[in-house]
Structure formats: structure tokens, C-alpha cells
Amino acid sequence: MEVADLGAALRARRKALNLTQSETADLADISTRVLSDLENGRETVRLDILTAVASSLGMTLSLHVVGS
């Protein structure tokens, strides 16, 4: 998954839950700027931050091995 696609999925989930960026950032214990950059595909983030955002939105992360 591309960073922009990941960001779009997080934004869609946040909006489906009727959460603002500020509320979500507070739940994930990150800044609103970091969340905005992630949602807009402007920045890659550390796995712990991505996990915190996903968790705050009731999502999980999984890895898939491609072409082994």
C-alpha cells in the first residue's frame, strides 16, 4: 500500500467515526500536524505512530509477504 493510500484510508475511517483531526491526534498522543501529514501522504511515519493512529481509530495493521 502506498503512503497516500494509507493516509486516505485513515482519513476515511476518522471521518466515518465523526472524529476531528485534533480528537484523533489526542487519542493517538501525537500532534495534529503529524496526523495531517500522514493523512495527506506527505510523510512516512514510524511504526509506533502508525500503530497508535490505527488503534485510536479501531483499526489494526497487518503485513503481507508478496512473491515469496
PDB file of N, CA and C in Angstrom:
ATOM      1  N   MET A   1       0.843  -1.171   0.000  1.00  0.00           N
ATOM      2  CA  MET A   1       0.000   0.000   0.000  1.00  0.00           C
ATOM      3  C   MET A   1       0.893   1.241   0.000  1.00  0.00           C
ATOM      4  N   GLU A   2       0.568   2.184  -0.831  1.00  0.00           N
ATOM      5  CA  GLU A   2       1.296   3.439  -0.906  1.00  0.00           C
ATOM      6  C   GLU A   2       0.943   4.324   0.290  1.00  0.00           C
ATOM      7  N   VAL A   3       1.836   5.233   0.636  1.00  0.00           N
ATOM      8  CA  VAL A   3       1.606   6.133   1.765  1.00  0.00           C
ATOM      9  C   VAL A   3       0.330   6.952   1.560  1.00  0.00           C
ATOM     10  N   ALA A   4       0.100   7.434   0.342  1.00  0.00           N
ATOM     11  CA  ALA A   4      -1.110   8.228   0.065  1.00  0.00           C
ATOM     12  C   ALA A   4      -2.373   7.397   0.258  1.00  0.00           C
ATOM     13  N   ASP A   5      -2.343   6.128  -0.138  1.00  0.00           N
ATOM     14  CA  ASP A   5      -3.498   5.245   0.040  1.00  0.00           C
ATOM     15  C   ASP A   5      -3.747   4.971   1.524  1.00  0.00           C
ATOM     16  N   LEU A   6      -2.673   4.774   2.256  1.00  0.00           N
ATOM     17  CA  LEU A   6      -2.784   4.547   3.689  1.00  0.00           C
ATOM     18  C   LEU A   6      -3.397   5.773   4.363  1.00  0.00           C
ATOM     19  N   GLY A   7      -2.902   6.939   4.012  1.00  0.00           N
ATOM     20  CA  GLY A   7      -3.437   8.176   4.575  1.00  0.00           C
ATOM     21  C   GLY A   7      -4.907   8.361   4.268  1.00  0.00           C
ATOM     22  N   ALA A   8      -5.293   8.057   3.039  1.00  0.00           N
ATOM     23  CA  ALA A   8      -6.701   8.191   2.637  1.00  0.00           C
ATOM     24  C   ALA A   8      -7.573   7.223   3.435  1.00  0.00           C
ATOM     25  N   ALA A   9      -7.083   6.016   3.686  1.00  0.00           N
ATOM     26  CA  ALA A   9      -7.848   5.034   4.460  1.00  0.00           C
ATOM     27  C   ALA A   9      -8.021   5.502   5.904  1.00  0.00           C
ATOM     28  N   LEU A  10      -6.960   6.063   6.478  1.00  0.00           N
ATOM     29  CA  LEU A  10      -7.059   6.575   7.845  1.00  0.00           C
ATOM     30  C   LEU A  10      -8.034   7.749   7.916  1.00  0.00           C
ATOM     31  N   ARG A  11      -7.956   8.656   6.941  1.00  0.00           N
ATOM     32  CA  ARG A  11      -8.857   9.812   6.917  1.00  0.00           C
ATOM     33  C   ARG A  11     -10.304   9.361   6.788  1.00  0.00           C
ATOM     34  N   ALA A  12     -10.562   8.409   5.899  1.00  0.00           N
ATOM     35  CA  ALA A  12     -11.921   7.909   5.693  1.00  0.00           C
ATOM     36  C   ALA A  12     -12.477   7.288   6.975  1.00  0.00           C
ATOM     37  N   ARG A  13     -11.657   6.514   7.669  1.00  0.00           N
ATOM     38  CA  ARG A  13     -12.099   5.885   8.918  1.00  0.00           C
ATOM     39  C   ARG A  13     -12.368   6.949   9.978  1.00  0.00           C
ATOM     40  N   ARG A  14     -11.471   7.942  10.076  1.00  0.00           N
ATOM     41  CA  ARG A  14     -11.657   9.013  11.058  1.00  0.00           C
ATOM     42  C   ARG A  14     -12.970   9.744  10.810  1.00  0.00           C
ATOM     43  N   LYS A  15     -13.232  10.060   9.554  1.00  0.00           N
ATOM     44  CA  LYS A  15     -14.465  10.770   9.220  1.00  0.00           C
ATOM     45  C   LYS A  15     -15.694   9.896   9.463  1.00  0.00           C
ATOM     46  N   ALA A  16     -15.584   8.601   9.200  1.00  0.00           N
ATOM     47  CA  ALA A  16     -16.701   7.685   9.448  1.00  0.00           C
ATOM     48  C   ALA A  16     -17.047   7.638  10.930  1.00  0.00           C
ATOM     49  N   LEU A  17     -16.046   7.849  11.768  1.00  0.00           N
ATOM     50  CA  LEU A  17     -16.259   7.863  13.214  1.00  0.00           C
ATOM     51  C   LEU A  17     -16.624   9.260  13.725  1.00  0.00           C
ATOM     52  N   ASN A  18     -16.750  10.211  12.798  1.00  0.00           N
ATOM     53  CA  ASN A  18     -17.066  11.603  13.151  1.00  0.00           C
ATOM     54  C   ASN A  18     -16.072  12.196  14.138  1.00  0.00           C
ATOM     55  N   LEU A  19     -14.795  11.905  13.910  1.00  0.00           N
ATOM     56  CA  LEU A  19     -13.728  12.466  14.739  1.00  0.00           C
ATOM     57  C   LEU A  19     -12.995  13.555  13.973  1.00  0.00           C
ATOM     58  N   THR A  20     -12.579  14.583  14.669  1.00  0.00           N
ATOM     59  CA  THR A  20     -11.737  15.608  14.057  1.00  0.00           C
ATOM     60  C   THR A  20     -10.289  15.135  14.082  1.00  0.00           C
ATOM     61  N   GLN A  21      -9.453  15.829  13.327  1.00  0.00           N
ATOM     62  CA  GLN A  21      -8.029  15.509  13.386  1.00  0.00           C
ATOM     63  C   GLN A  21      -7.499  15.752  14.791  1.00  0.00           C
ATOM     64  N   SER A  22      -7.949  16.807  15.421  1.00  0.00           N
ATOM     65  CA  SER A  22      -7.490  17.131  16.768  1.00  0.00           C
ATOM     66  C   SER A  22      -7.874  16.032  17.765  1.00  0.00           C
ATOM     67  N   GLU A  23      -9.104  15.560  17.692  1.00  0.00           N
ATOM     68  CA  GLU A  23      -9.552  14.487  18.589  1.00  0.00           C
ATOM     69  C   GLU A  23      -8.754  13.213  18.359  1.00  0.00           C
ATOM     70  N   THR A  24      -8.530  12.877  17.099  1.00  0.00           N
ATOM     71  CA  THR A  24      -7.786  11.660  16.768  1.00  0.00           C
ATOM     72  C   THR A  24      -6.339  11.777  17.205  1.00  0.00           C
ATOM     73  N   ALA A  25      -5.741  12.936  16.965  1.00  0.00           N
ATOM     74  CA  ALA A  25      -4.355  13.155  17.387  1.00  0.00           C
ATOM     75  C   ALA A  25      -4.235  13.018  18.902  1.00  0.00           C
ATOM     76  N   ASP A  26      -5.204  13.563  19.624  1.00  0.00           N
ATOM     77  CA  ASP A  26      -5.185  13.428  21.086  1.00  0.00           C
ATOM     78  C   ASP A  26      -5.274  11.961  21.506  1.00  0.00           C
ATOM     79  N   LEU A  27      -6.154  11.209  20.861  1.00  0.00           N
ATOM     80  CA  LEU A  27      -6.297   9.782  21.182  1.00  0.00           C
ATOM     81  C   LEU A  27      -5.011   9.004  20.900  1.00  0.00           C
ATOM     82  N   ALA A  28      -4.311   9.391  19.838  1.00  0.00           N
ATOM     83  CA  ALA A  28      -3.080   8.698  19.445  1.00  0.00           C
ATOM     84  C   ALA A  28      -1.843   9.290  20.113  1.00  0.00           C
ATOM     85  N   ASP A  29      -2.019  10.370  20.875  1.00  0.00           N
ATOM     86  CA  ASP A  29      -0.925  11.054  21.563  1.00  0.00           C
ATOM     87  C   ASP A  29       0.149  11.543  20.589  1.00  0.00           C
ATOM     88  N   ILE A  30      -0.314  12.181  19.499  1.00  0.00           N
ATOM     89  CA  ILE A  30       0.575  12.775  18.506  1.00  0.00           C
ATOM     90  C   ILE A  30       0.076  14.186  18.208  1.00  0.00           C
ATOM     91  N   SER A  31       0.864  14.929  17.453  1.00  0.00           N
ATOM     92  CA  SER A  31       0.425  16.275  17.090  1.00  0.00           C
ATOM     93  C   SER A  31      -0.543  16.214  15.907  1.00  0.00           C
ATOM     94  N   THR A  32      -1.363  17.230  15.810  1.00  0.00           N
ATOM     95  CA  THR A  32      -2.297  17.326  14.687  1.00  0.00           C
ATOM     96  C   THR A  32      -1.532  17.429  13.373  1.00  0.00           C
ATOM     97  N   ARG A  33      -0.387  18.111  13.387  1.00  0.00           N
ATOM     98  CA  ARG A  33       0.418  18.242  12.171  1.00  0.00           C
ATOM     99  C   ARG A  33       0.898  16.884  11.661  1.00  0.00           C
ATOM    100  N   VAL A  34       1.352  16.025  12.569  1.00  0.00           N
ATOM    101  CA  VAL A  34       1.806  14.689  12.168  1.00  0.00           C
ATOM    102  C   VAL A  34       0.649  13.907  11.559  1.00  0.00           C
ATOM    103  N   LEU A  35      -0.522  13.974  12.176  1.00  0.00           N
ATOM    104  CA  LEU A  35      -1.686  13.273  11.639  1.00  0.00           C
ATOM    105  C   LEU A  35      -2.068  13.834  10.274  1.00  0.00           C
ATOM    106  N   SER A  36      -2.079  15.143  10.136  1.00  0.00           N
ATOM    107  CA  SER A  36      -2.404  15.764   8.856  1.00  0.00           C
ATOM    108  C   SER A  36      -1.433  15.326   7.766  1.00  0.00           C
ATOM    109  N   ASP A  37      -0.139  15.352   8.088  1.00  0.00           N
ATOM    110  CA  ASP A  37       0.867  14.921   7.107  1.00  0.00           C
ATOM    111  C   ASP A  37       0.666  13.465   6.713  1.00  0.00           C
ATOM    112  N   LEU A  38       0.338  12.623   7.684  1.00  0.00           N
ATOM    113  CA  LEU A  38       0.096  11.204   7.401  1.00  0.00           C
ATOM    114  C   LEU A  38      -1.133  11.033   6.512  1.00  0.00           C
ATOM    115  N   GLU A  39      -2.230  11.692   6.870  1.00  0.00           N
ATOM    116  CA  GLU A  39      -3.462  11.568   6.090  1.00  0.00           C
ATOM    117  C   GLU A  39      -3.300  12.077   4.659  1.00  0.00           C
ATOM    118  N   ASN A  40      -2.438  13.044   4.464  1.00  0.00           N
ATOM    119  CA  ASN A  40      -2.250  13.630   3.135  1.00  0.00           C
ATOM    120  C   ASN A  40      -1.067  13.046   2.381  1.00  0.00           C
ATOM    121  N   GLY A  41      -0.467  11.979   2.918  1.00  0.00           N
ATOM    122  CA  GLY A  41       0.610  11.287   2.221  1.00  0.00           C
ATOM    123  C   GLY A  41       1.883  12.096   2.084  1.00  0.00           C
ATOM    124  N   ARG A  42       2.049  13.100   2.929  1.00  0.00           N
ATOM    125  CA  ARG A  42       3.224  13.958   2.837  1.00  0.00           C
ATOM    126  C   ARG A  42       4.404  13.430   3.632  1.00  0.00           C
ATOM    127  N   GLU A  43       4.165  12.438   4.423  1.00  0.00           N
ATOM    128  CA  GLU A  43       5.217  11.989   5.319  1.00  0.00           C
ATOM    129  C   GLU A  43       5.017  10.522   5.661  1.00  0.00           C
ATOM    130  N   THR A  44       6.105   9.802   5.707  1.00  0.00           N
ATOM    131  CA  THR A  44       6.034   8.459   6.263  1.00  0.00           C
ATOM    132  C   THR A  44       6.285   8.596   7.756  1.00  0.00           C
ATOM    133  N   VAL A  45       5.732   7.712   8.529  1.00  0.00           N
ATOM    134  CA  VAL A  45       5.862   7.826   9.977  1.00  0.00           C
ATOM    135  C   VAL A  45       6.407   6.533  10.557  1.00  0.00           C
ATOM    136  N   ARG A  46       6.860   6.649  11.773  1.00  0.00           N
ATOM    137  CA  ARG A  46       7.353   5.472  12.480  1.00  0.00           C
ATOM    138  C   ARG A  46       6.203   4.500  12.714  1.00  0.00           C
ATOM    139  N   LEU A  47       6.547   3.244  12.819  1.00  0.00           N
ATOM    140  CA  LEU A  47       5.551   2.206  13.015  1.00  0.00           C
ATOM    141  C   LEU A  47       4.758   2.414  14.306  1.00  0.00           C
ATOM    142  N   ASP A  48       5.404   2.877  15.369  1.00  0.00           N
ATOM    143  CA  ASP A  48       4.677   3.075  16.626  1.00  0.00           C
ATOM    144  C   ASP A  48       3.628   4.173  16.492  1.00  0.00           C
ATOM    145  N   ILE A  49       3.911   5.211  15.708  1.00  0.00           N
ATOM    146  CA  ILE A  49       2.929   6.275  15.490  1.00  0.00           C
ATOM    147  C   ILE A  49       1.780   5.754  14.639  1.00  0.00           C
ATOM    148  N   LEU A  50       2.102   5.033  13.583  1.00  0.00           N
ATOM    149  CA  LEU A  50       1.066   4.462  12.725  1.00  0.00           C
ATOM    150  C   LEU A  50       0.176   3.507  13.516  1.00  0.00           C
ATOM    151  N   THR A  51       0.774   2.703  14.357  1.00  0.00           N
ATOM    152  CA  THR A  51       0.014   1.778  15.199  1.00  0.00           C
ATOM    153  C   THR A  51      -0.905   2.537  16.156  1.00  0.00           C
ATOM    154  N   ALA A  52      -0.414   3.628  16.745  1.00  0.00           N
ATOM    155  CA  ALA A  52      -1.223   4.422  17.667  1.00  0.00           C
ATOM    156  C   ALA A  52      -2.419   5.049  16.957  1.00  0.00           C
ATOM    157  N   VAL A  53      -2.195   5.566  15.758  1.00  0.00           N
ATOM    158  CA  VAL A  53      -3.295   6.172  14.998  1.00  0.00           C
ATOM    159  C   VAL A  53      -4.319   5.105  14.628  1.00  0.00           C
ATOM    160  N   ALA A  54      -3.839   3.986  14.099  1.00  0.00           N
ATOM    161  CA  ALA A  54      -4.752   2.905  13.720  1.00  0.00           C
ATOM    162  C   ALA A  54      -5.555   2.428  14.928  1.00  0.00           C
ATOM    163  N   SER A  55      -4.900   2.257  16.049  1.00  0.00           N
ATOM    164  CA  SER A  55      -5.582   1.808  17.260  1.00  0.00           C
ATOM    165  C   SER A  55      -6.634   2.814  17.717  1.00  0.00           C
ATOM    166  N   SER A  56      -6.310   4.101  17.631  1.00  0.00           N
ATOM    167  CA  SER A  56      -7.266   5.124  18.052  1.00  0.00           C
ATOM    168  C   SER A  56      -8.508   5.139  17.167  1.00  0.00           C
ATOM    169  N   LEU A  57      -8.368   4.578  15.962  1.00  0.00           N
ATOM    170  CA  LEU A  57      -9.485   4.514  15.021  1.00  0.00           C
ATOM    171  C   LEU A  57     -10.132   3.125  14.981  1.00  0.00           C
ATOM    172  N   GLY A  58      -9.716   2.240  15.896  1.00  0.00           N
ATOM    173  CA  GLY A  58     -10.279   0.891  15.943  1.00  0.00           C
ATOM    174  C   GLY A  58      -9.821   0.021  14.795  1.00  0.00           C
ATOM    175  N   MET A  59      -8.622   0.299  14.275  1.00  0.00           N
ATOM    176  CA  MET A  59      -8.082  -0.453  13.143  1.00  0.00           C
ATOM    177  C   MET A  59      -6.857  -1.236  13.607  1.00  0.00           C
ATOM    178  N   THR A  60      -6.495  -2.256  12.839  1.00  0.00           N
ATOM    179  CA  THR A  60      -5.268  -2.999  13.099  1.00  0.00           C
ATOM    180  C   THR A  60      -4.397  -2.956  11.852  1.00  0.00           C
ATOM    181  N   LEU A  61      -3.126  -3.225  12.037  1.00  0.00           N
ATOM    182  CA  LEU A  61      -2.179  -3.285  10.930  1.00  0.00           C
ATOM    183  C   LEU A  61      -1.793  -4.735  10.690  1.00  0.00           C
ATOM    184  N   SER A  62      -1.549  -5.072   9.439  1.00  0.00           N
ATOM    185  CA  SER A  62      -1.046  -6.408   9.145  1.00  0.00           C
ATOM    186  C   SER A  62      -0.046  -6.310   7.997  1.00  0.00           C
ATOM    187  N   LEU A  63       0.866  -7.228   7.976  1.00  0.00           N
ATOM    188  CA  LEU A  63       1.882  -7.291   6.930  1.00  0.00           C
ATOM    189  C   LEU A  63       1.638  -8.521   6.075  1.00  0.00           C
ATOM    190  N   HIS A  64       1.834  -8.374   4.798  1.00  0.00           N
ATOM    191  CA  HIS A  64       1.650  -9.491   3.871  1.00  0.00           C
ATOM    192  C   HIS A  64       2.933  -9.677   3.072  1.00  0.00           C
ATOM    193  N   VAL A  65       3.398 -10.914   2.988  1.00  0.00           N
ATOM    194  CA  VAL A  65       4.577 -11.234   2.202  1.00  0.00           C
ATOM    195  C   VAL A  65       4.137 -11.363   0.748  1.00  0.00           C
ATOM    196  N   VAL A  66       4.828 -10.639  -0.120  1.00  0.00           N
ATOM    197  CA  VAL A  66       4.478 -10.637  -1.529  1.00  0.00           C
ATOM    198  C   VAL A  66       5.543 -11.387  -2.314  1.00  0.00           C
ATOM    199  N   GLY A  67       5.129 -12.311  -3.152  1.00  0.00           N
ATOM    200  CA  GLY A  67       6.012 -13.006  -4.083  1.00  0.00           C
ATOM    201  C   GLY A  67       7.157 -13.774  -3.446  1.00  0.00           C
ATOM    202  N   SER A  68       6.903 -14.515  -2.385  1.00  0.00           N
ATOM    203  CA  SER A  68       7.988 -15.255  -1.738  1.00  0.00           C
ATOM    204  C   SER A  68       8.374 -16.494  -2.462  1.00  0.00           C
TER     205      SER A  68
END
